[in-house]
Amino acid sequence: MMAEMGRFIDETSKAGVLLATGGLDPRATHISSSGGKITVTDGPYAEAKEVVVGFALIEVRSKEEAIELSKRFWRIVGDGTGVIQQVFGPGDEFPGE
């Protein structure tokens, strides 16, 4: 699996599709704001059923291309769950604007 993942990362990096990847510390710090009050809570959270522990930032032309890359990734690593989200940058229009 490691060799196959290495080839996948190398291929997508050379193609300019994979911009960044890394692991995330599951002991996240959550911050929330409600009614003007800011609350900061340090993890880990024993009650958490789902934790994001890694990410990959890719630049693709369409949602379908992102889905195809994600399918290739999961075929390599096996069981798991992921989320695909669009990243907006300065000057990008948000949907509905």
C-alpha atoms as a PDB file:
ATOM      1  CA  MET A   1       0.000   0.000   0.000  1.00  0.00           C
ATOM      2  CA  MET A   2       2.798   2.458   0.869  1.00  0.00           C
ATOM      3  CA  ALA A   3       4.502   1.995  -2.522  1.00  0.00           C
ATOM      4  CA  GLU A   4       1.210   2.449  -4.384  1.00  0.00           C
ATOM      5  CA  MET A   5       0.377   5.550  -2.331  1.00  0.00           C
ATOM      6  CA  GLY A   6       3.869   6.916  -3.007  1.00  0.00           C
ATOM      7  CA  ARG A   7       3.318   6.530  -6.757  1.00  0.00           C
ATOM      8  CA  PHE A   8      -0.111   8.196  -6.502  1.00  0.00           C
ATOM      9  CA  ILE A   9       1.312  11.164  -4.543  1.00  0.00           C
ATOM     10  CA  ASP A  10       4.268  11.476  -6.927  1.00  0.00           C
ATOM     11  CA  GLU A  11       1.990  11.376 -10.001  1.00  0.00           C
ATOM     12  CA  THR A  12      -0.485  13.954  -8.694  1.00  0.00           C
ATOM     13  CA  SER A  13       2.310  16.230  -7.408  1.00  0.00           C
ATOM     14  CA  LYS A  14       4.148  16.204 -10.753  1.00  0.00           C
ATOM     15  CA  ALA A  15       0.862  16.924 -12.543  1.00  0.00           C
ATOM     16  CA  GLY A  16       0.384  19.999 -10.330  1.00  0.00           C
ATOM     17  CA  VAL A  17      -2.884  18.619  -8.940  1.00  0.00           C
ATOM     18  CA  LEU A  18      -1.744  17.819  -5.388  1.00  0.00           C
ATOM     19  CA  LEU A  19      -0.862  21.111  -3.680  1.00  0.00           C
ATOM     20  CA  ALA A  20      -0.453  19.918  -0.080  1.00  0.00           C
ATOM     21  CA  THR A  21      -1.125  16.921   2.113  1.00  0.00           C
ATOM     22  CA  GLY A  22      -0.580  16.146   5.765  1.00  0.00           C
ATOM     23  CA  GLY A  23      -1.770  14.692   9.008  1.00  0.00           C
ATOM     24  CA  LEU A  24      -3.795  16.600  11.569  1.00  0.00           C
ATOM     25  CA  ASP A  25      -3.461  16.338  15.340  1.00  0.00           C
ATOM     26  CA  PRO A  26      -6.723  14.801  16.647  1.00  0.00           C
ATOM     27  CA  ARG A  27      -6.368  16.910  19.821  1.00  0.00           C
ATOM     28  CA  ALA A  28      -7.987  19.897  18.117  1.00  0.00           C
ATOM     29  CA  THR A  29      -8.880  23.176  19.784  1.00  0.00           C
ATOM     30  CA  HIS A  30     -12.470  24.155  19.053  1.00  0.00           C
ATOM     31  CA  ILE A  31     -13.527  27.787  19.106  1.00  0.00           C
ATOM     32  CA  SER A  32     -17.087  29.026  18.885  1.00  0.00           C
ATOM     33  CA  SER A  33     -18.950  32.296  19.120  1.00  0.00           C
ATOM     34  CA  SER A  34     -22.510  32.689  20.333  1.00  0.00           C
ATOM     35  CA  GLY A  35     -24.221  35.898  21.401  1.00  0.00           C
ATOM     36  CA  GLY A  36     -20.895  37.728  21.561  1.00  0.00           C
ATOM     37  CA  LYS A  37     -19.323  35.122  23.872  1.00  0.00           C
ATOM     38  CA  ILE A  38     -16.247  33.283  22.599  1.00  0.00           C
ATOM     39  CA  THR A  39     -15.637  29.759  23.922  1.00  0.00           C
ATOM     40  CA  VAL A  40     -12.380  27.835  23.474  1.00  0.00           C
ATOM     41  CA  THR A  41     -12.288  24.103  24.244  1.00  0.00           C
ATOM     42  CA  ASP A  42      -9.169  21.941  23.978  1.00  0.00           C
ATOM     43  CA  GLY A  43      -9.378  18.309  22.813  1.00  0.00           C
ATOM     44  CA  PRO A  44      -9.122  15.390  22.583  1.00  0.00           C
ATOM     45  CA  TYR A  45     -12.818  14.675  22.829  1.00  0.00           C
ATOM     46  CA  ALA A  46     -13.770  11.266  24.172  1.00  0.00           C
ATOM     47  CA  GLU A  47     -17.317  11.647  22.840  1.00  0.00           C
ATOM     48  CA  ALA A  48     -16.167  12.384  19.283  1.00  0.00           C
ATOM     49  CA  LYS A  49     -17.230   9.654  16.872  1.00  0.00           C
ATOM     50  CA  GLU A  50     -15.591  11.230  13.833  1.00  0.00           C
ATOM     51  CA  VAL A  51     -12.194  12.897  13.762  1.00  0.00           C
ATOM     52  CA  VAL A  52     -10.432  14.407  10.753  1.00  0.00           C
ATOM     53  CA  VAL A  53      -6.833  13.188  10.915  1.00  0.00           C
ATOM     54  CA  GLY A  54      -5.499  14.139   7.488  1.00  0.00           C
ATOM     55  CA  PHE A  55      -6.072  16.277   4.436  1.00  0.00           C
ATOM     56  CA  ALA A  56      -5.117  16.700   0.805  1.00  0.00           C
ATOM     57  CA  LEU A  57      -5.421  20.043  -0.974  1.00  0.00           C
ATOM     58  CA  ILE A  58      -5.899  19.526  -4.699  1.00  0.00           C
ATOM     59  CA  GLU A  59      -6.514  21.857  -7.619  1.00  0.00           C
ATOM     60  CA  VAL A  60      -8.853  20.374 -10.193  1.00  0.00           C
ATOM     61  CA  ARG A  61     -11.167  21.682 -12.899  1.00  0.00           C
ATOM     62  CA  SER A  62     -14.360  20.110 -11.598  1.00  0.00           C
ATOM     63  CA  LYS A  63     -16.083  18.361  -8.730  1.00  0.00           C
ATOM     64  CA  GLU A  64     -16.131  15.202 -10.855  1.00  0.00           C
ATOM     65  CA  GLU A  65     -12.332  15.267 -11.154  1.00  0.00           C
ATOM     66  CA  ALA A  66     -12.053  15.644  -7.362  1.00  0.00           C
ATOM     67  CA  ILE A  67     -14.358  12.650  -6.910  1.00  0.00           C
ATOM     68  CA  GLU A  68     -12.291  10.519  -9.309  1.00  0.00           C
ATOM     69  CA  LEU A  69      -9.059  11.356  -7.440  1.00  0.00           C
ATOM     70  CA  SER A  70     -10.774  10.557  -4.144  1.00  0.00           C
ATOM     71  CA  LYS A  71     -11.919   7.188  -5.512  1.00  0.00           C
ATOM     72  CA  ARG A  72      -8.331   6.382  -6.534  1.00  0.00           C
ATOM     73  CA  PHE A  73      -7.128   7.326  -3.038  1.00  0.00           C
ATOM     74  CA  TRP A  74      -9.708   5.109  -1.268  1.00  0.00           C
ATOM     75  CA  ARG A  75      -8.953   2.174  -3.587  1.00  0.00           C
ATOM     76  CA  ILE A  76      -5.367   2.378  -2.321  1.00  0.00           C
ATOM     77  CA  VAL A  77      -5.997   2.863   1.423  1.00  0.00           C
ATOM     78  CA  GLY A  78      -9.119   0.745   1.821  1.00  0.00           C
ATOM     79  CA  ASP A  79     -11.904   1.433   4.288  1.00  0.00           C
ATOM     80  CA  GLY A  80     -12.562   4.913   5.597  1.00  0.00           C
ATOM     81  CA  THR A  81     -14.587   8.055   5.139  1.00  0.00           C
ATOM     82  CA  GLY A  82     -13.694  11.368   3.554  1.00  0.00           C
ATOM     83  CA  VAL A  83     -15.145  14.749   2.733  1.00  0.00           C
ATOM     84  CA  ILE A  84     -14.682  16.779  -0.430  1.00  0.00           C
ATOM     85  CA  GLN A  85     -15.049  20.528   0.069  1.00  0.00           C
ATOM     86  CA  GLN A  86     -14.358  23.434  -2.247  1.00  0.00           C
ATOM     87  CA  VAL A  87     -11.832  25.995  -1.033  1.00  0.00           C
ATOM     88  CA  PHE A  88     -12.604  29.608  -1.865  1.00  0.00           C
ATOM     89  CA  GLY A  89      -9.866  32.187  -2.196  1.00  0.00           C
ATOM     90  CA  PRO A  90      -9.753  35.965  -2.263  1.00  0.00           C
ATOM     91  CA  GLY A  91     -12.005  37.284  -5.009  1.00  0.00           C
ATOM     92  CA  ASP A  92     -13.931  34.012  -5.443  1.00  0.00           C
ATOM     93  CA  GLU A  93     -17.693  34.224  -5.449  1.00  0.00           C
ATOM     94  CA  PHE A  94     -19.528  32.037  -2.971  1.00  0.00           C
ATOM     95  CA  PRO A  95     -22.503  30.066  -4.302  1.00  0.00           C
ATOM     96  CA  GLY A  96     -25.679  32.083  -4.137  1.00  0.00           C
ATOM     97  CA  GLU A  97     -23.986  35.479  -4.330  1.00  0.00           C
END
